[in-house]
């Protein structure tokens, strides 16, 4: 529904009248309770695939630390428990296929961290905590880094990525690497999110026939299913926030430059970033603090020097919505999913009841942003540079080599979809081309000065809030992903600005996320608002591994 604002910025529409006098408790019932159609559907739901009880299900970093401090568990024991969970859930039982490989050194690393703890040395809140990372993040160990592609199946990175090095320094145990949409979903326009030549199809643990979305599909499914404490994903446009939204997670896509991209298989140096995927805002904030920092190998991080925080949990405020000014962009962000609109309108009512001033609607500008042109130019340049950096670790030296490999191994690499994006990128010229420079400048102008920055200044906003996207669609290896409408990912992605998604509710048991985004380096504010919303709602529930959504 399109709303019109009064002089105080509050909307005069049916959604507001419907919630007058209800209060937060009533709104929460609307978010978490079943709609009439869902109540009917839940009478004979499909039976969940049985899994063994798991003591670490939904465990937070704080809980894991408490157990290690008390001696109930060691880091080694936690790793062993998660590895057993992966064996029982990932490859057998529900078989969500979210983990590509285990770190053969994980238990030895855990032992050394346990010894440090016993000696009274703790590195921080991540000490001894098992983490899974996406298979496009370099680790210089016995694990390969392949972006899910058989072309790099034997590639051992010559050095750790900045992300891996930061995790190790924080005391985290890198338990293994997760499946992903191959090449971070940048190979074909008809790809199925979560499919790779190395790992096959990752499945959504809430309904196994539904997409886990991409490209950090495995990181999302693993975190949602409690196969790890937290996970690391990467995003160019939606690859952290989208799989987080459809798997009821908190996902943080930081400002480009807050987290170094050095040692991450690239798509676009103007948009790529790594970020946390977790079951709570607190855990995501803890992980973000471990990942952020200036790195001489990534020039973009130099701008973050005065914006990086070692501890983002200091911004957690359960009353953080009180007095906040929240802008709601209706045009292009609503109207493509009735279920999503209903959940997000209820979430807006929660924020208003918690003391936020809601400006609804706001204008975020419009028009194309040239993203496709920018990515296709930058991918060719950036992937060629990455492959060259591998040296003898890989026979693949250029994008042309990858294209030739896929063609030669068509039955393994292209049984369902092709590589037309690769081919388009290969045909691009250098980054000095006017077409690229114009598209990059236009995209930044439209998403920043004429988009997010303009709206924040005009309406005096703390954040912009919108549906992250629709509930997850069916996996379709024949036709590839399909989407019913817009999403909140592209504008902050093109701008290089931060974006956080938080669980907002469910439609027929399928997760829907709520997005908070804003100007560069506004992570502290977004974390505060997202945490306050999470604490007011607490809608997340663990997946049940249903074969399909409960529709009949």
Protein backbone atom coordinates (compact mmCIF):
# COMPACT_ATOMS: atom_id res chain seq x y z
CA UNK A 1 0.00 0.00 0.00
CA UNK A 2 1.28 3.45 -0.86
CA UNK A 3 1.28 5.75 2.16
CA UNK A 4 1.16 9.53 2.29
CA UNK A 5 2.85 11.45 5.06
CA UNK A 6 1.38 14.13 7.25
CA UNK A 7 3.30 17.17 8.41
CA UNK A 8 4.91 15.13 11.20
CA UNK A 9 6.18 12.54 8.73
CA UNK A 10 3.80 9.85 10.01
CA UNK A 11 1.78 7.97 7.40
CA UNK A 12 -1.99 8.19 7.14
CA UNK A 13 -2.92 4.82 5.76
CA UNK A 14 -4.70 1.64 6.65
CA UNK A 15 -1.59 -0.01 8.04
CA UNK A 16 -1.22 2.75 10.63
CA UNK A 17 -4.88 2.73 11.60
CA UNK A 18 -4.79 -1.05 11.90
CA UNK A 19 -2.10 -0.84 14.55
CA UNK A 20 -3.36 2.14 16.56
CA UNK A 21 -3.58 1.07 20.17
CA UNK A 22 -2.15 -2.37 19.56
CA UNK A 23 1.30 -1.85 21.10
CA UNK A 24 4.40 -3.98 20.62
CA UNK A 25 2.94 -7.18 22.06
CA UNK A 26 0.06 -7.17 19.63
CA UNK A 27 2.30 -6.47 16.69
CA UNK A 28 4.65 -9.29 17.68
CA UNK A 29 1.75 -11.70 17.65
CA UNK A 30 1.00 -10.59 14.13
CA UNK A 31 4.60 -11.18 13.05
CA UNK A 32 5.20 -14.54 14.69
CA UNK A 33 1.70 -16.00 14.66
CA UNK A 34 0.22 -17.81 11.69
CA UNK A 35 -2.04 -16.05 9.25
CA UNK A 36 -5.39 -17.75 8.57
CA UNK A 37 -3.98 -19.40 5.46
CA UNK A 38 -0.86 -20.49 7.34
CA UNK A 39 -2.95 -21.87 10.19
CA UNK A 40 -4.84 -23.99 7.67
CA UNK A 41 -1.61 -25.03 5.97
CA UNK A 42 -0.04 -26.06 9.26
CA UNK A 43 -2.76 -28.64 9.97
CA UNK A 44 -0.92 -31.27 7.91
CA UNK A 45 2.62 -29.99 7.46
CA UNK A 46 5.29 -32.14 5.83
CA UNK A 47 7.24 -34.04 8.44
CA UNK A 48 10.69 -32.64 9.16
CA UNK A 49 13.68 -34.85 8.41
CA UNK A 50 14.79 -36.24 11.75
CA UNK A 51 18.08 -35.06 13.21
CA UNK A 52 19.73 -35.88 16.52
CA UNK A 53 19.31 -33.42 19.40
CA UNK A 54 22.19 -30.96 19.35
CA UNK A 55 23.28 -29.20 22.51
CA UNK A 56 24.94 -26.38 20.59
CA UNK A 57 21.87 -25.57 18.48
CA UNK A 58 21.45 -21.77 18.36
CA UNK A 59 24.36 -21.37 20.80
CA UNK A 60 25.77 -17.84 20.86
CA UNK A 61 29.41 -16.82 21.11
CA UNK A 62 28.80 -15.69 24.69
CA UNK A 63 27.36 -19.09 25.60
CA UNK A 64 30.29 -20.90 24.01
CA UNK A 65 32.72 -18.69 25.93
CA UNK A 66 30.84 -19.30 29.19
CA UNK A 67 31.06 -23.05 28.64
CA UNK A 68 34.78 -22.88 27.85
CA UNK A 69 35.45 -20.69 30.91
CA UNK A 70 33.53 -23.08 33.16
CA UNK A 71 35.34 -26.10 31.75
CA UNK A 72 32.16 -27.68 30.47
CA UNK A 73 33.63 -27.74 26.98
CA UNK A 74 37.01 -27.09 25.44
CA UNK A 75 37.47 -25.53 22.02
CA UNK A 76 38.44 -28.98 20.76
CA UNK A 77 35.19 -30.45 22.11
CA UNK A 78 33.17 -27.70 20.43
CA UNK A 79 34.91 -28.36 17.13
CA UNK A 80 34.27 -32.08 17.45
CA UNK A 81 30.60 -31.46 18.19
CA UNK A 82 30.18 -29.16 15.19
CA UNK A 83 32.03 -31.62 12.94
CA UNK A 84 29.69 -34.40 14.08
CA UNK A 85 26.73 -32.11 13.40
CA UNK A 86 28.07 -31.44 9.90
CA UNK A 87 28.39 -35.19 9.30
CA UNK A 88 24.82 -35.82 10.44
CA UNK A 89 23.09 -32.85 8.78
CA UNK A 90 25.18 -31.72 5.85
CA UNK A 91 25.96 -34.90 3.92
CA UNK A 92 23.37 -37.27 5.38
CA UNK A 93 19.90 -36.72 6.82
CA UNK A 94 18.68 -33.38 5.43
CA UNK A 95 21.88 -33.24 3.34
CA UNK A 96 21.93 -29.47 2.96
CA UNK A 97 25.38 -29.64 1.32
CA UNK A 98 26.64 -26.39 2.80
CA UNK A 99 30.21 -27.40 3.69
CA UNK A 100 32.75 -28.14 0.96
CA UNK A 101 35.72 -29.16 3.07
CA UNK A 102 36.87 -29.52 6.66
CA UNK A 103 40.08 -27.97 7.91
CA UNK A 104 42.34 -30.97 8.66
CA UNK A 105 44.22 -28.82 11.19
CA UNK A 106 41.14 -27.58 13.06
CA UNK A 107 41.46 -29.86 16.08
CA UNK A 108 45.18 -29.17 16.46
CA UNK A 109 44.48 -25.43 16.31
CA UNK A 110 41.75 -25.85 18.93
CA UNK A 111 44.17 -27.74 21.16
CA UNK A 112 46.68 -24.90 20.98
CA UNK A 113 43.99 -22.35 21.81
CA UNK A 114 42.86 -24.48 24.74
CA UNK A 115 46.45 -24.49 25.97
CA UNK A 116 46.55 -20.70 25.69
CA UNK A 117 43.34 -20.45 27.69
CA UNK A 118 44.71 -22.76 30.37
CA UNK A 119 47.81 -20.56 30.57
CA UNK A 120 45.62 -17.50 31.13
CA UNK A 121 45.99 -15.97 27.68
CA UNK A 122 42.77 -15.08 25.85
CA UNK A 123 42.88 -13.32 22.51
CA UNK A 124 39.36 -11.93 22.73
CA UNK A 125 35.70 -12.95 22.41
CA UNK A 126 36.41 -15.21 19.40
CA UNK A 127 39.01 -17.29 21.27
CA UNK A 128 38.34 -20.96 20.54
CA UNK A 129 35.14 -20.27 18.60
CA UNK A 130 34.57 -22.48 15.50
CA UNK A 131 33.91 -20.49 12.30
CA UNK A 132 33.13 -21.52 8.72
CA UNK A 133 34.26 -19.34 5.83
CA UNK A 134 33.24 -19.13 2.19
CA UNK A 135 35.28 -21.01 -0.38
CA UNK A 136 36.48 -17.85 -2.10
CA UNK A 137 38.54 -16.73 0.91
CA UNK A 138 42.21 -17.71 0.73
CA UNK A 139 43.79 -19.78 3.49
CA UNK A 140 47.42 -20.79 3.35
CA UNK A 141 47.01 -24.22 4.88
CA UNK A 142 45.92 -27.64 3.69
CA UNK A 143 42.57 -26.37 2.39
CA UNK A 144 42.04 -25.28 -1.18
CA UNK A 145 40.36 -22.04 -2.27
CA UNK A 146 38.33 -22.60 -5.41
CA UNK A 147 35.15 -20.47 -5.47
CA UNK A 148 33.40 -23.82 -5.90
CA UNK A 149 34.98 -24.38 -9.31
CA UNK A 150 36.75 -27.52 -10.45
CA UNK A 151 39.14 -25.24 -12.31
CA UNK A 152 40.76 -24.34 -8.97
CA UNK A 153 40.10 -27.65 -7.22
CA UNK A 154 43.78 -28.09 -6.32
CA UNK A 155 44.68 -24.45 -5.69
CA UNK A 156 46.39 -23.78 -2.35
CA UNK A 157 46.70 -20.04 -1.76
CA UNK A 158 50.30 -18.81 -1.38
CA UNK A 159 49.31 -16.80 1.72
CA UNK A 160 46.36 -16.17 4.01
CA UNK A 161 43.75 -13.64 3.05
CA UNK A 162 43.44 -10.69 5.40
CA UNK A 163 40.15 -12.18 6.64
CA UNK A 164 41.74 -15.55 7.45
CA UNK A 165 44.70 -13.88 9.14
CA UNK A 166 42.40 -11.71 11.25
CA UNK A 167 40.33 -14.73 12.26
CA UNK A 168 43.41 -16.64 13.32
CA UNK A 169 44.73 -13.65 15.27
CA UNK A 170 41.38 -13.33 17.07
CA UNK A 171 41.62 -16.93 18.25
CA UNK A 172 38.85 -18.27 16.02
CA UNK A 173 39.13 -21.82 14.69
CA UNK A 174 38.54 -21.95 10.94
CA UNK A 175 36.59 -25.20 10.87
CA UNK A 176 36.24 -25.45 7.10
CA UNK A 177 34.98 -23.82 3.93
CA UNK A 178 31.43 -23.51 2.68
CA UNK A 179 29.77 -24.15 -0.64
CA UNK A 180 28.65 -21.15 -2.66
CA UNK A 181 27.09 -20.18 -5.93
CA UNK A 182 30.09 -20.95 -8.13
CA UNK A 183 32.31 -17.94 -8.80
CA UNK A 184 30.12 -16.04 -6.34
CA UNK A 185 27.18 -16.30 -8.75
CA UNK A 186 29.07 -14.55 -11.51
CA UNK A 187 29.18 -17.06 -14.34
CA UNK A 188 25.70 -17.36 -15.83
CA UNK A 189 22.48 -15.36 -15.98
CA UNK A 190 20.57 -18.64 -15.50
CA UNK A 191 22.44 -19.99 -12.47
CA UNK A 192 20.85 -21.70 -9.50
CA UNK A 193 22.01 -20.02 -6.29
CA UNK A 194 23.97 -22.39 -4.11
CA UNK A 195 25.16 -24.67 -6.93
CA UNK A 196 28.83 -25.27 -7.64
CA UNK A 197 30.75 -27.82 -9.63
CA UNK A 198 32.60 -28.89 -6.50
CA UNK A 199 29.71 -29.01 -4.05
CA UNK A 200 26.49 -29.50 -5.97
CA UNK A 201 23.32 -27.76 -4.76
CA UNK A 202 23.13 -26.27 -1.27
CA UNK A 203 19.62 -26.40 0.21
CA UNK A 204 17.72 -24.10 2.51
CA UNK A 205 17.34 -25.80 5.93
CA UNK A 206 13.91 -24.20 6.45
CA UNK A 207 12.50 -25.97 3.38
CA UNK A 208 14.89 -28.18 1.47
CA UNK A 209 13.30 -27.51 -1.91
CA UNK A 210 13.82 -23.75 -1.50
CA UNK A 211 16.79 -21.68 -2.55
CA UNK A 212 19.43 -20.77 0.03
CA UNK A 213 20.06 -17.75 -2.21
CA UNK A 214 23.46 -16.55 -3.20
CA UNK A 215 26.20 -16.43 -3.37
CA UNK A 216 27.17 -17.05 0.27
CA UNK A 217 24.63 -19.86 0.24
CA UNK A 218 26.67 -22.38 2.18
CA UNK A 219 27.75 -19.88 4.83
CA UNK A 220 24.09 -18.99 5.34
CA UNK A 221 22.80 -22.57 5.45
CA UNK A 222 25.60 -23.66 7.79
CA UNK A 223 25.05 -20.81 10.23
CA UNK A 224 21.26 -21.26 10.14
CA UNK A 225 21.56 -24.99 10.82
CA UNK A 226 24.05 -24.51 13.68
CA UNK A 227 26.94 -26.19 11.89
CA UNK A 228 29.20 -23.48 13.31
CA UNK A 229 29.04 -20.60 15.74
CA UNK A 230 29.19 -17.94 13.02
CA UNK A 231 30.17 -17.81 9.35
CA UNK A 232 31.86 -15.42 6.96
CA UNK A 233 30.37 -14.57 3.58
CA UNK A 234 31.25 -12.16 0.81
CA UNK A 235 29.04 -9.80 -1.14
CA UNK A 236 29.15 -7.88 -4.38
CA UNK A 237 25.38 -7.33 -4.52
CA UNK A 238 23.21 -9.31 -2.11
CA UNK A 239 25.50 -12.26 -1.50
CA UNK A 240 25.60 -11.80 2.29
CA UNK A 241 22.26 -10.12 2.86
CA UNK A 242 20.15 -12.28 0.55
CA UNK A 243 21.11 -15.72 1.93
CA UNK A 244 20.88 -14.25 5.42
CA UNK A 245 17.35 -12.99 4.80
CA UNK A 246 16.02 -16.28 3.40
CA UNK A 247 17.65 -18.32 6.19
CA UNK A 248 16.58 -16.12 9.12
CA UNK A 249 20.05 -14.77 9.86
CA UNK A 250 21.67 -11.47 10.65
CA UNK A 251 23.95 -10.51 7.78
CA UNK A 252 26.22 -7.46 7.71
CA UNK A 253 27.56 -6.13 4.42
CA UNK A 254 30.07 -3.51 5.60
CA UNK A 255 31.09 -0.30 3.89
CA UNK A 256 33.53 -1.21 1.13
CA UNK A 257 36.97 -0.77 2.69
CA UNK A 258 36.05 -1.65 6.28
CA UNK A 259 37.20 -5.25 5.69
CA UNK A 260 40.12 -5.97 3.37
CA UNK A 261 39.47 -7.94 0.19
CA UNK A 262 43.11 -9.05 -0.15
CA UNK A 263 43.13 -12.79 -0.81
CA UNK A 264 39.45 -13.04 -1.70
CA UNK A 265 38.57 -14.30 -5.18
CA UNK A 266 37.10 -11.14 -6.69
CA UNK A 267 34.26 -9.91 -8.83
CA UNK A 268 34.47 -6.15 -8.40
CA UNK A 269 36.94 -3.98 -6.51
CA UNK A 270 34.34 -1.21 -6.32
CA UNK A 271 31.70 -3.39 -4.62
CA UNK A 272 33.24 -6.53 -3.10
CA UNK A 273 33.44 -6.99 0.67
CA UNK A 274 33.43 -9.77 3.24
CA UNK A 275 31.17 -9.74 6.27
CA UNK A 276 29.53 -11.67 9.12
CA UNK A 277 26.59 -14.06 8.94
CA UNK A 278 25.21 -15.02 12.35
CA UNK A 279 22.08 -15.96 14.26
CA UNK A 280 22.10 -12.82 16.40
CA UNK A 281 23.09 -9.19 15.98
CA UNK A 282 25.46 -9.52 18.93
CA UNK A 283 27.39 -12.36 17.31
CA UNK A 284 27.53 -10.53 13.99
CA UNK A 285 28.89 -7.45 15.78
CA UNK A 286 31.55 -9.52 17.54
CA UNK A 287 32.66 -11.08 14.26
CA UNK A 288 32.71 -7.73 12.47
CA UNK A 289 35.14 -6.41 15.07
CA UNK A 290 37.43 -9.36 14.38
CA UNK A 291 37.36 -8.79 10.61
CA UNK A 292 37.66 -5.01 10.27
CA UNK A 293 40.97 -3.22 9.85
CA UNK A 294 43.39 -1.38 7.60
CA UNK A 295 45.46 -3.53 5.24
CA UNK A 296 48.31 -2.38 3.02
CA UNK A 297 47.29 -4.99 0.44
CA UNK A 298 43.91 -3.32 -0.10
CA UNK A 299 44.07 0.43 -0.77
CA UNK A 300 40.34 0.81 -0.13
CA UNK A 301 40.89 0.12 3.56
CA UNK A 302 42.97 3.28 4.06
CA UNK A 303 39.73 5.29 4.24
CA UNK A 304 38.52 3.15 7.15
CA UNK A 305 41.31 4.13 9.54
CA UNK A 306 39.15 6.57 11.50
CA UNK A 307 35.99 4.48 11.17
CA UNK A 308 37.08 1.03 12.35
CA UNK A 309 36.04 -0.24 15.78
CA UNK A 310 37.58 -3.22 17.51
CA UNK A 311 34.38 -3.83 19.49
CA UNK A 312 31.08 -3.21 17.75
CA UNK A 313 29.15 -4.62 20.69
CA UNK A 314 29.52 -1.23 22.40
CA UNK A 315 26.84 0.02 19.99
CA UNK A 316 24.25 -2.56 21.04
CA UNK A 317 21.33 -0.72 22.64
CA UNK A 318 17.99 -2.40 23.30
CA UNK A 319 16.37 1.06 23.32
CA UNK A 320 18.21 2.19 20.21
CA UNK A 321 15.04 2.78 18.19
CA UNK A 322 13.79 5.46 20.56
CA UNK A 323 14.17 8.82 18.86
CA UNK A 324 15.60 7.32 15.67
CA UNK A 325 14.42 8.66 12.33
CA UNK A 326 13.67 5.82 9.91
CA UNK A 327 12.89 6.35 6.23
CA UNK A 328 10.71 3.89 4.29
CA UNK A 329 11.18 3.82 0.49
CA UNK A 330 7.93 2.44 -0.92
CA UNK A 331 8.63 2.83 -4.64
CA UNK A 332 10.38 -0.25 -6.05
CA UNK A 333 10.92 -1.74 -2.58
CA UNK A 334 7.35 -2.82 -1.82
CA UNK A 335 4.55 -4.30 -3.88
CA UNK A 336 6.28 -7.37 -5.32
CA UNK A 337 5.30 -9.76 -2.50
CA UNK A 338 2.11 -9.54 -0.47
CA UNK A 339 3.57 -11.71 2.30
CA UNK A 340 6.74 -9.65 2.52
CA UNK A 341 4.84 -6.37 2.58
CA UNK A 342 2.63 -7.59 5.42
CA UNK A 343 5.58 -8.70 7.55
CA UNK A 344 7.56 -5.52 6.94
CA UNK A 345 4.57 -3.25 7.57
CA UNK A 346 4.18 -4.99 10.92
CA UNK A 347 7.90 -4.51 11.58
CA UNK A 348 7.52 -0.79 10.86
CA UNK A 349 4.75 -0.68 13.45
CA UNK A 350 7.10 -2.31 15.96
CA UNK A 351 9.70 0.38 15.33
CA UNK A 352 7.14 3.15 15.70
CA UNK A 353 5.86 1.63 18.94
CA UNK A 354 9.47 1.49 20.18
CA UNK A 355 9.79 5.24 19.76
CA UNK A 356 11.15 5.65 16.24
CA UNK A 357 9.91 8.43 13.99
CA UNK A 358 8.85 6.79 10.74
CA UNK A 359 9.02 8.90 7.57
CA UNK A 360 6.92 6.98 5.08
CA UNK A 361 7.37 7.16 2.16
CA UNK A 362 10.71 8.64 1.21
CA UNK A 363 12.15 9.17 -2.25
CA UNK A 364 15.38 7.29 -2.98
CA UNK A 365 15.71 8.49 -6.55
CA UNK A 366 15.54 6.13 -9.47
CA UNK A 367 16.94 5.15 -12.81
CA UNK A 368 19.57 2.63 -13.85
CA UNK A 369 22.95 2.50 -12.18
CA UNK A 370 25.14 0.78 -14.80
CA UNK A 371 26.08 -1.96 -12.35
CA UNK A 372 26.16 -4.70 -14.96
CA UNK A 373 28.66 -2.82 -17.11
CA UNK A 374 30.88 -1.99 -14.14
CA UNK A 375 30.98 -5.56 -12.86
CA UNK A 376 31.74 -7.08 -16.25
CA UNK A 377 34.70 -4.75 -16.77
CA UNK A 378 36.07 -5.10 -13.26
CA UNK A 379 35.70 -8.88 -13.13
CA UNK A 380 37.99 -9.45 -16.09
CA UNK A 381 40.67 -7.18 -14.66
CA UNK A 382 40.33 -8.36 -11.07
CA UNK A 383 40.11 -12.12 -11.71
CA UNK A 384 43.12 -11.98 -14.02
CA UNK A 385 45.11 -10.26 -11.27
CA UNK A 386 43.99 -12.81 -8.68
CA UNK A 387 44.86 -15.80 -10.88
CA UNK A 388 48.26 -14.32 -11.65
CA UNK A 389 48.93 -14.01 -7.91
CA UNK A 390 48.55 -17.77 -7.45
CA UNK A 391 51.73 -18.51 -9.39
CA UNK A 392 52.44 -22.22 -9.58
CA UNK A 393 49.47 -23.00 -7.31
CA UNK A 394 47.13 -23.04 -10.30
CA UNK A 395 47.38 -23.67 -14.05
CA UNK A 396 44.58 -21.13 -14.51
CA UNK A 397 46.18 -17.75 -15.31
CA UNK A 398 43.40 -15.76 -16.97
CA UNK A 399 39.65 -15.55 -17.42
CA UNK A 400 40.18 -17.02 -20.88
CA UNK A 401 41.72 -20.10 -19.22
CA UNK A 402 38.63 -20.49 -17.02
CA UNK A 403 36.32 -20.24 -20.02
CA UNK A 404 38.34 -22.88 -21.86
CA UNK A 405 38.36 -25.16 -18.80
CA UNK A 406 34.59 -24.98 -18.44
CA UNK A 407 34.10 -25.74 -22.11
CA UNK A 408 36.43 -28.74 -21.86
CA UNK A 409 34.65 -30.02 -18.73
CA UNK A 410 31.11 -29.17 -19.76
CA UNK A 411 29.45 -32.21 -18.23
CA UNK A 412 30.88 -31.49 -14.77
CA UNK A 413 30.88 -27.68 -14.82
CA UNK A 414 27.96 -26.77 -17.05
CA UNK A 415 25.32 -29.49 -16.77
CA UNK A 416 22.59 -26.95 -15.95
CA UNK A 417 23.73 -23.50 -17.04
CA UNK A 418 26.47 -21.88 -19.05
CA UNK A 419 29.06 -19.13 -18.72
CA UNK A 420 27.63 -16.22 -20.67
CA UNK A 421 28.66 -13.72 -17.98
CA UNK A 422 32.24 -14.96 -18.24
CA UNK A 423 32.12 -14.55 -22.00
CA UNK A 424 30.66 -11.04 -21.79
CA UNK A 425 33.36 -10.01 -19.35
CA UNK A 426 36.12 -11.53 -21.47
CA UNK A 427 34.97 -9.34 -24.38
CA UNK A 428 35.39 -6.15 -22.32
CA UNK A 429 38.30 -3.77 -22.76
CA UNK A 430 40.51 -2.16 -20.11
CA UNK A 431 39.30 -0.02 -17.21
CA UNK A 432 40.34 3.06 -19.16
CA UNK A 433 37.38 2.57 -21.51
CA UNK A 434 34.97 5.50 -21.44
CA UNK A 435 32.00 3.14 -21.20
CA UNK A 436 33.32 1.74 -17.93
CA UNK A 437 34.34 5.07 -16.44
CA UNK A 438 30.97 6.63 -17.29
CA UNK A 439 29.04 3.67 -15.84
CA UNK A 440 31.07 3.71 -12.62
CA UNK A 441 30.63 7.47 -12.15
CA UNK A 442 26.91 7.28 -12.94
CA UNK A 443 26.37 4.40 -10.52
CA UNK A 444 28.12 6.18 -7.69
CA UNK A 445 26.27 9.42 -8.36
CA UNK A 446 22.84 7.80 -8.50
CA UNK A 447 23.35 5.53 -5.49
CA UNK A 448 25.23 8.03 -3.31
CA UNK A 449 24.70 11.77 -3.96
CA UNK A 450 21.31 11.31 -5.63
CA UNK A 451 20.31 8.24 -3.61
CA UNK A 452 21.21 7.30 -0.05
CA UNK A 453 23.10 10.48 0.86
CA UNK A 454 20.38 12.70 -0.56
CA UNK A 455 17.60 10.88 1.30
CA UNK A 456 19.50 10.87 4.59
CA UNK A 457 20.08 14.63 4.33
CA UNK A 458 16.61 15.55 3.06
CA UNK A 459 14.68 13.59 5.69
CA UNK A 460 17.32 13.79 8.45
CA UNK A 461 17.47 9.99 8.69
CA UNK A 462 19.40 7.64 10.89
CA UNK A 463 18.71 4.74 8.52
CA UNK A 464 16.63 3.55 5.59
CA UNK A 465 14.51 0.44 6.15
CA UNK A 466 12.96 -1.85 3.53
CA UNK A 467 12.18 -5.52 2.89
CA UNK A 468 15.40 -7.34 2.09
CA UNK A 469 13.57 -9.44 -0.51
CA UNK A 470 10.73 -11.92 -0.94
CA UNK A 471 10.57 -15.34 0.78
CA UNK A 472 12.84 -17.96 -0.82
CA UNK A 473 11.66 -19.40 -4.12
CA UNK A 474 11.97 -22.98 -5.30
CA UNK A 475 15.31 -24.36 -6.44
CA UNK A 476 15.20 -24.62 -10.23
CA UNK A 477 18.21 -26.16 -11.93
CA UNK A 478 16.41 -26.10 -15.29
CA UNK A 479 15.64 -22.39 -15.53
CA UNK A 480 17.83 -20.96 -12.77
CA UNK A 481 16.80 -18.50 -10.09
CA UNK A 482 13.58 -16.58 -10.43
CA UNK A 483 12.56 -13.53 -8.48
CA UNK A 484 9.22 -11.86 -8.12
CA UNK A 485 10.44 -8.33 -7.66
CA UNK A 486 12.94 -5.89 -6.23
CA UNK A 487 15.22 -6.16 -3.27
CA UNK A 488 17.08 -3.81 -0.97
CA UNK A 489 20.53 -5.08 -1.91
CA UNK A 490 21.49 -3.17 -5.04
CA UNK A 491 21.49 0.48 -3.92
CA UNK A 492 23.86 0.04 -0.95
CA UNK A 493 25.91 -2.44 -2.97
CA UNK A 494 26.55 -0.03 -5.84
CA UNK A 495 27.18 2.80 -3.38
CA UNK A 496 29.58 0.65 -1.37
CA UNK A 497 27.59 1.52 1.76
CA UNK A 498 26.69 -0.68 4.75
CA UNK A 499 23.61 -2.89 4.82
CA UNK A 500 22.32 -5.11 7.63
CA UNK A 501 19.48 -7.61 7.38
CA UNK A 502 17.68 -9.00 10.44
CA UNK A 503 14.99 -11.71 10.73
CA UNK A 504 11.55 -10.07 10.52
CA UNK A 505 9.10 -12.94 10.27
CA UNK A 506 7.93 -15.96 8.29
CA UNK A 507 5.47 -16.70 5.55
CA UNK A 508 4.41 -20.37 5.53
CA UNK A 509 7.50 -21.00 7.62
CA UNK A 510 9.77 -19.32 5.05
CA UNK A 511 12.00 -16.54 6.42
CA UNK A 512 11.69 -12.86 5.51
CA UNK A 513 14.38 -10.31 6.40
CA UNK A 514 14.28 -6.60 7.21
CA UNK A 515 17.04 -4.37 5.82
CA UNK A 516 18.69 -1.38 7.48
CA UNK A 517 21.09 0.65 5.33
CA UNK A 518 22.63 4.08 5.36
CA UNK A 519 25.62 6.21 4.39
CA UNK A 520 29.27 5.18 4.43
CA UNK A 521 30.70 4.09 7.79
CA UNK A 522 27.30 4.07 9.51
CA UNK A 523 27.75 0.51 10.85
CA UNK A 524 27.51 1.64 14.51
CA UNK A 525 24.11 3.25 13.95
CA UNK A 526 22.79 0.37 11.86
CA UNK A 527 23.93 -2.18 14.44
CA UNK A 528 22.22 -0.19 17.21
CA UNK A 529 18.92 -0.04 15.30
CA UNK A 530 19.06 -3.65 14.12
CA UNK A 531 19.79 -4.86 17.65
CA UNK A 532 16.93 -2.85 19.12
CA UNK A 533 14.54 -4.30 16.53
CA UNK A 534 15.83 -7.82 17.20
CA UNK A 535 15.34 -7.41 20.94
CA UNK A 536 11.80 -6.09 20.49
CA UNK A 537 10.78 -8.93 18.20
CA UNK A 538 12.96 -12.01 18.76
CA UNK A 539 11.31 -13.74 15.84
CA UNK A 540 14.12 -16.08 14.80
CA UNK A 541 13.42 -19.77 15.23
CA UNK A 542 15.74 -22.61 14.15
CA UNK A 543 15.12 -24.54 10.94
CA UNK A 544 13.29 -27.85 11.04
CA UNK A 545 14.61 -29.33 7.77
CA UNK A 546 11.18 -29.66 6.19
CA UNK A 547 11.26 -31.34 2.76
CA UNK A 548 9.03 -28.50 1.51
CA UNK A 549 7.21 -25.50 2.90
CA UNK A 550 4.03 -26.30 4.83
CA UNK A 551 1.54 -25.28 2.12
CA UNK A 552 -1.05 -28.08 2.32
